[in-house]
């Protein structure tokens, strides 16, 4: 399935903005402890957009594999940074990894549901 040129650019920009916001927002939330609700809300919305618009049927398997690995590594990586005593840096890294999870998980759920629906439909 070819990507529609308009939707493709919108989806790509949603992805790029989501990654940048996850990195910057994660650091700011870790540093200031403020703005978490806004950052989280925007990341969820961008993740949903990416899931609906940016991942085609032919990309589904690769996307789900990469997303599953990212979710596992980010989840356990954030917990590990805190546990091994990296209090200063670990707090920021955990905050950034949590922001990345907040962005990737909604997209992964949407892509998974689309894949399940396509399998059920066939």
N, C-alpha and C. Protein backbone atom coordinates (compact mmCIF):
# COMPACT_ATOMS: atom_id res chain seq x y z
N UNK A 1 0.85 -1.17 0.00
CA UNK A 1 0.00 0.00 0.00
C UNK A 1 0.90 1.24 0.00
N UNK A 2 0.74 2.08 -0.99
CA UNK A 2 1.54 3.30 -1.07
C UNK A 2 0.98 4.36 -0.13
N UNK A 3 1.89 5.13 0.42
CA UNK A 3 1.46 6.19 1.32
C UNK A 3 0.96 7.37 0.52
N UNK A 4 -0.15 7.94 0.97
CA UNK A 4 -0.67 9.16 0.38
C UNK A 4 0.31 10.28 0.69
N UNK A 5 0.65 11.08 -0.30
CA UNK A 5 1.68 12.11 -0.12
C UNK A 5 1.34 13.09 1.00
N UNK A 6 0.10 13.53 1.09
CA UNK A 6 -0.29 14.48 2.14
C UNK A 6 -0.26 13.85 3.51
N UNK A 7 -0.84 12.66 3.63
CA UNK A 7 -0.85 11.97 4.91
C UNK A 7 0.54 11.53 5.32
N UNK A 8 1.36 11.16 4.34
CA UNK A 8 2.72 10.72 4.64
C UNK A 8 3.53 11.84 5.29
N UNK A 9 3.47 13.02 4.72
CA UNK A 9 4.20 14.14 5.29
C UNK A 9 3.66 14.50 6.67
N UNK A 10 2.36 14.45 6.83
CA UNK A 10 1.75 14.74 8.13
C UNK A 10 2.20 13.71 9.16
N UNK A 11 2.19 12.44 8.77
CA UNK A 11 2.61 11.38 9.67
C UNK A 11 4.09 11.47 10.02
N UNK A 12 4.92 11.81 9.03
CA UNK A 12 6.35 11.95 9.28
C UNK A 12 6.61 13.10 10.23
N UNK A 13 5.93 14.22 10.02
CA UNK A 13 6.10 15.36 10.92
C UNK A 13 5.59 15.04 12.32
N UNK A 14 4.50 14.31 12.42
CA UNK A 14 4.00 13.91 13.74
C UNK A 14 5.03 13.05 14.45
N UNK A 15 5.68 12.16 13.69
CA UNK A 15 6.70 11.30 14.28
C UNK A 15 7.91 12.12 14.73
N UNK A 16 8.41 12.99 13.87
CA UNK A 16 9.59 13.80 14.20
C UNK A 16 9.31 14.70 15.40
N UNK A 17 8.17 15.36 15.39
CA UNK A 17 7.81 16.24 16.51
C UNK A 17 7.65 15.42 17.79
N UNK A 18 7.05 14.23 17.67
CA UNK A 18 6.88 13.38 18.85
C UNK A 18 8.20 12.96 19.46
N UNK A 19 9.16 12.58 18.63
CA UNK A 19 10.47 12.17 19.15
C UNK A 19 11.19 13.36 19.80
N UNK A 20 11.17 14.49 19.12
CA UNK A 20 11.83 15.68 19.68
C UNK A 20 11.16 16.10 20.98
N UNK A 21 9.82 16.11 21.00
CA UNK A 21 9.11 16.49 22.22
C UNK A 21 9.37 15.48 23.34
N UNK A 22 9.48 14.21 23.01
CA UNK A 22 9.77 13.19 24.02
C UNK A 22 11.15 13.45 24.64
N UNK A 23 12.12 13.78 23.81
CA UNK A 23 13.46 14.05 24.32
C UNK A 23 13.51 15.32 25.16
N UNK A 24 13.04 16.41 24.59
CA UNK A 24 13.08 17.70 25.30
C UNK A 24 12.11 17.71 26.47
N UNK A 25 10.89 17.25 26.22
CA UNK A 25 9.89 17.23 27.30
C UNK A 25 10.29 16.32 28.44
N UNK A 26 10.90 15.18 28.11
CA UNK A 26 11.36 14.27 29.16
C UNK A 26 12.40 14.92 30.05
N UNK A 27 13.34 15.65 29.43
CA UNK A 27 14.37 16.34 30.21
C UNK A 27 13.74 17.44 31.05
N UNK A 28 12.85 18.23 30.46
CA UNK A 28 12.23 19.32 31.21
C UNK A 28 11.36 18.82 32.36
N UNK A 29 10.62 17.75 32.12
CA UNK A 29 9.80 17.19 33.19
C UNK A 29 10.70 16.66 34.29
N UNK A 30 11.80 16.00 33.93
CA UNK A 30 12.74 15.51 34.93
C UNK A 30 13.42 16.64 35.67
N UNK A 31 13.71 17.73 34.96
CA UNK A 31 14.41 18.87 35.56
C UNK A 31 13.48 19.72 36.41
N UNK A 32 12.34 20.08 35.85
CA UNK A 32 11.44 21.00 36.53
C UNK A 32 10.32 20.31 37.29
N UNK A 33 9.97 19.11 36.84
CA UNK A 33 8.84 18.41 37.45
C UNK A 33 7.51 19.04 37.08
N UNK A 34 7.53 19.94 36.12
CA UNK A 34 6.31 20.64 35.73
C UNK A 34 6.00 20.35 34.27
N UNK A 35 4.75 20.53 33.90
CA UNK A 35 4.34 20.37 32.52
C UNK A 35 4.10 18.93 32.10
N UNK A 36 4.11 18.02 33.05
CA UNK A 36 3.98 16.62 32.71
C UNK A 36 2.64 16.31 32.04
N UNK A 37 1.57 16.93 32.48
CA UNK A 37 0.26 16.66 31.91
C UNK A 37 0.22 17.10 30.45
N UNK A 38 0.77 18.28 30.15
CA UNK A 38 0.75 18.77 28.78
C UNK A 38 1.64 17.94 27.87
N UNK A 39 2.84 17.64 28.33
CA UNK A 39 3.76 16.84 27.53
C UNK A 39 3.15 15.47 27.26
N UNK A 40 2.61 14.84 28.29
CA UNK A 40 2.01 13.51 28.15
C UNK A 40 0.84 13.55 27.18
N UNK A 41 -0.02 14.53 27.30
CA UNK A 41 -1.19 14.63 26.42
C UNK A 41 -0.79 14.80 24.96
N UNK A 42 0.17 15.67 24.71
CA UNK A 42 0.62 15.90 23.33
C UNK A 42 1.29 14.66 22.77
N UNK A 43 2.10 13.98 23.58
CA UNK A 43 2.76 12.76 23.11
C UNK A 43 1.76 11.66 22.77
N UNK A 44 0.73 11.53 23.57
CA UNK A 44 -0.30 10.52 23.29
C UNK A 44 -1.02 10.84 21.98
N UNK A 45 -1.38 12.10 21.79
CA UNK A 45 -2.07 12.50 20.55
C UNK A 45 -1.18 12.27 19.34
N UNK A 46 0.09 12.66 19.43
CA UNK A 46 1.01 12.45 18.32
C UNK A 46 1.23 10.95 18.06
N UNK A 47 1.29 10.16 19.11
CA UNK A 47 1.43 8.71 18.95
C UNK A 47 0.23 8.12 18.23
N UNK A 48 -0.97 8.57 18.57
CA UNK A 48 -2.18 8.10 17.89
C UNK A 48 -2.16 8.48 16.41
N UNK A 49 -1.73 9.70 16.13
CA UNK A 49 -1.64 10.15 14.73
C UNK A 49 -0.67 9.27 13.95
N UNK A 50 0.49 9.01 14.54
CA UNK A 50 1.48 8.17 13.86
C UNK A 50 0.92 6.77 13.63
N UNK A 51 0.23 6.23 14.61
CA UNK A 51 -0.35 4.89 14.46
C UNK A 51 -1.40 4.82 13.36
N UNK A 52 -2.22 5.85 13.25
CA UNK A 52 -3.28 5.86 12.23
C UNK A 52 -2.75 6.19 10.84
N UNK A 53 -1.79 7.11 10.75
CA UNK A 53 -1.42 7.68 9.46
C UNK A 53 -0.10 7.16 8.91
N UNK A 54 0.87 6.92 9.75
CA UNK A 54 2.24 6.78 9.28
C UNK A 54 2.70 5.35 9.02
N UNK A 55 2.01 4.36 9.54
CA UNK A 55 2.47 2.97 9.38
C UNK A 55 1.54 2.26 8.41
N UNK A 56 2.11 1.82 7.27
CA UNK A 56 1.31 1.13 6.26
C UNK A 56 1.24 -0.36 6.58
N UNK A 57 0.40 -1.06 5.83
CA UNK A 57 0.23 -2.49 6.05
C UNK A 57 1.54 -3.25 5.85
N UNK A 58 2.32 -2.85 4.86
CA UNK A 58 3.59 -3.55 4.60
C UNK A 58 4.65 -3.26 5.67
N UNK A 59 4.49 -2.19 6.42
CA UNK A 59 5.44 -1.83 7.47
C UNK A 59 5.03 -2.35 8.85
N UNK A 60 3.85 -2.92 8.95
CA UNK A 60 3.29 -3.28 10.24
C UNK A 60 4.18 -4.24 11.03
N UNK A 61 4.61 -5.33 10.39
CA UNK A 61 5.39 -6.34 11.10
C UNK A 61 6.70 -5.75 11.63
N UNK A 62 7.40 -5.00 10.79
CA UNK A 62 8.67 -4.39 11.21
C UNK A 62 8.44 -3.36 12.31
N UNK A 63 7.39 -2.56 12.16
CA UNK A 63 7.10 -1.54 13.17
C UNK A 63 6.79 -2.19 14.51
N UNK A 64 5.95 -3.21 14.51
CA UNK A 64 5.58 -3.84 15.77
C UNK A 64 6.77 -4.50 16.45
N UNK A 65 7.66 -5.10 15.68
CA UNK A 65 8.86 -5.71 16.26
C UNK A 65 9.75 -4.64 16.88
N UNK A 66 10.01 -3.58 16.13
CA UNK A 66 10.87 -2.50 16.63
C UNK A 66 10.23 -1.82 17.85
N UNK A 67 8.92 -1.60 17.80
CA UNK A 67 8.23 -0.95 18.92
C UNK A 67 8.26 -1.83 20.16
N UNK A 68 8.07 -3.14 19.98
CA UNK A 68 8.10 -4.05 21.14
C UNK A 68 9.47 -4.03 21.80
N UNK A 69 10.53 -4.06 21.00
CA UNK A 69 11.88 -4.01 21.56
C UNK A 69 12.11 -2.67 22.27
N UNK A 70 11.68 -1.58 21.65
CA UNK A 70 11.85 -0.26 22.24
C UNK A 70 11.12 -0.15 23.57
N UNK A 71 9.89 -0.63 23.61
CA UNK A 71 9.10 -0.56 24.85
C UNK A 71 9.77 -1.36 25.96
N UNK A 72 10.23 -2.55 25.65
CA UNK A 72 10.87 -3.39 26.67
C UNK A 72 12.16 -2.75 27.17
N UNK A 73 13.00 -2.31 26.26
CA UNK A 73 14.28 -1.73 26.65
C UNK A 73 14.08 -0.41 27.39
N UNK A 74 13.17 0.44 26.92
CA UNK A 74 12.94 1.72 27.58
C UNK A 74 12.37 1.51 28.99
N UNK A 75 11.45 0.57 29.13
CA UNK A 75 10.85 0.33 30.44
C UNK A 75 11.89 -0.17 31.43
N UNK A 76 12.61 -1.21 31.06
CA UNK A 76 13.60 -1.77 31.98
C UNK A 76 14.83 -0.88 32.11
N UNK A 77 15.17 -0.16 31.05
CA UNK A 77 16.30 0.76 31.13
C UNK A 77 16.05 1.88 32.11
N UNK A 78 14.87 2.45 32.09
CA UNK A 78 14.54 3.53 33.03
C UNK A 78 14.59 3.06 34.47
N UNK A 79 14.07 1.89 34.72
CA UNK A 79 14.10 1.35 36.08
C UNK A 79 15.53 1.04 36.51
N UNK A 80 16.32 0.54 35.60
CA UNK A 80 17.71 0.18 35.92
C UNK A 80 18.54 1.41 36.26
N UNK A 81 18.36 2.50 35.50
CA UNK A 81 19.13 3.71 35.76
C UNK A 81 18.89 4.21 37.18
N UNK A 82 17.67 4.11 37.65
CA UNK A 82 17.35 4.54 39.00
C UNK A 82 17.94 3.58 40.03
N UNK A 83 17.89 2.29 39.77
CA UNK A 83 18.32 1.30 40.75
C UNK A 83 19.83 1.24 40.93
N UNK A 84 20.59 1.53 39.90
CA UNK A 84 22.04 1.39 40.03
C UNK A 84 22.69 2.62 40.63
N UNK A 85 21.90 3.56 41.06
CA UNK A 85 22.45 4.69 41.79
C UNK A 85 22.77 5.91 40.96
N UNK A 86 22.31 5.95 39.74
CA UNK A 86 22.51 7.15 38.93
C UNK A 86 21.41 8.15 39.25
N UNK A 87 21.45 8.70 40.43
CA UNK A 87 20.35 9.56 40.90
C UNK A 87 20.18 10.80 40.02
N UNK A 88 21.26 11.49 39.72
CA UNK A 88 21.12 12.72 38.95
C UNK A 88 20.81 12.44 37.50
N UNK A 89 21.68 11.74 36.81
CA UNK A 89 21.48 11.45 35.40
C UNK A 89 20.34 10.45 35.22
N UNK A 90 20.24 9.49 36.13
CA UNK A 90 19.20 8.47 36.04
C UNK A 90 17.80 9.04 36.04
N UNK A 91 17.60 10.09 36.81
CA UNK A 91 16.27 10.73 36.85
C UNK A 91 15.89 11.29 35.49
N UNK A 92 16.83 11.95 34.83
CA UNK A 92 16.55 12.53 33.51
C UNK A 92 16.39 11.45 32.46
N UNK A 93 17.26 10.44 32.51
CA UNK A 93 17.14 9.34 31.54
C UNK A 93 15.82 8.60 31.70
N UNK A 94 15.43 8.36 32.93
CA UNK A 94 14.15 7.68 33.16
C UNK A 94 13.00 8.54 32.66
N UNK A 95 13.07 9.84 32.87
CA UNK A 95 12.02 10.74 32.41
C UNK A 95 11.94 10.76 30.88
N UNK A 96 13.08 10.78 30.21
CA UNK A 96 13.11 10.75 28.74
C UNK A 96 12.57 9.42 28.23
N UNK A 97 12.99 8.32 28.83
CA UNK A 97 12.51 7.01 28.40
C UNK A 97 11.00 6.87 28.63
N UNK A 98 10.50 7.41 29.74
CA UNK A 98 9.05 7.39 29.97
C UNK A 98 8.31 8.21 28.93
N UNK A 99 8.89 9.34 28.53
CA UNK A 99 8.26 10.17 27.49
C UNK A 99 8.25 9.43 26.15
N UNK A 100 9.34 8.73 25.83
CA UNK A 100 9.37 7.94 24.60
C UNK A 100 8.32 6.84 24.65
N UNK A 101 8.19 6.18 25.79
CA UNK A 101 7.14 5.16 25.94
C UNK A 101 5.75 5.77 25.75
N UNK A 102 5.55 6.95 26.30
CA UNK A 102 4.25 7.61 26.17
C UNK A 102 3.91 7.91 24.72
N UNK A 103 4.92 8.16 23.91
CA UNK A 103 4.73 8.44 22.49
C UNK A 103 4.55 7.15 21.68
N UNK A 104 5.34 6.13 21.96
CA UNK A 104 5.36 4.92 21.14
C UNK A 104 4.18 3.98 21.45
N UNK A 105 3.80 3.87 22.70
CA UNK A 105 2.76 2.90 23.08
C UNK A 105 1.42 3.16 22.39
N UNK A 106 0.89 4.39 22.35
CA UNK A 106 -0.38 4.59 21.63
C UNK A 106 -0.30 4.22 20.15
N UNK A 107 0.82 4.57 19.50
CA UNK A 107 0.99 4.21 18.09
C UNK A 107 1.02 2.69 17.93
N UNK A 108 1.70 2.01 18.84
CA UNK A 108 1.80 0.56 18.77
C UNK A 108 0.44 -0.10 18.98
N UNK A 109 -0.34 0.43 19.88
CA UNK A 109 -1.69 -0.12 20.11
C UNK A 109 -2.53 0.03 18.85
N UNK A 110 -2.50 1.20 18.24
CA UNK A 110 -3.29 1.43 17.03
C UNK A 110 -2.84 0.51 15.90
N UNK A 111 -1.53 0.41 15.67
CA UNK A 111 -1.02 -0.45 14.60
C UNK A 111 -1.39 -1.91 14.88
N UNK A 112 -1.29 -2.33 16.13
CA UNK A 112 -1.67 -3.71 16.49
C UNK A 112 -3.15 -3.97 16.23
N UNK A 113 -3.99 -3.03 16.62
CA UNK A 113 -5.43 -3.20 16.38
C UNK A 113 -5.75 -3.22 14.89
N UNK A 114 -5.09 -2.36 14.11
CA UNK A 114 -5.29 -2.37 12.66
C UNK A 114 -4.86 -3.71 12.07
N UNK A 115 -3.77 -4.25 12.57
CA UNK A 115 -3.28 -5.55 12.08
C UNK A 115 -4.24 -6.68 12.44
N UNK A 116 -4.73 -6.67 13.66
CA UNK A 116 -5.69 -7.69 14.09
C UNK A 116 -6.98 -7.59 13.26
N UNK A 117 -7.44 -6.38 13.02
CA UNK A 117 -8.64 -6.19 12.22
C UNK A 117 -8.43 -6.72 10.79
N UNK A 118 -7.24 -6.42 10.22
CA UNK A 118 -6.95 -6.92 8.87
C UNK A 118 -6.90 -8.43 8.82
N UNK A 119 -6.37 -9.05 9.86
CA UNK A 119 -6.35 -10.52 9.91
C UNK A 119 -7.76 -11.09 10.06
N UNK A 120 -8.57 -10.46 10.88
CA UNK A 120 -9.95 -10.94 11.09
C UNK A 120 -10.80 -10.74 9.84
N UNK A 121 -10.51 -9.68 9.10
CA UNK A 121 -11.28 -9.37 7.89
C UNK A 121 -11.00 -10.34 6.76
N UNK A 122 -9.78 -10.85 6.70
CA UNK A 122 -9.38 -11.75 5.59
C UNK A 122 -9.95 -13.10 5.74
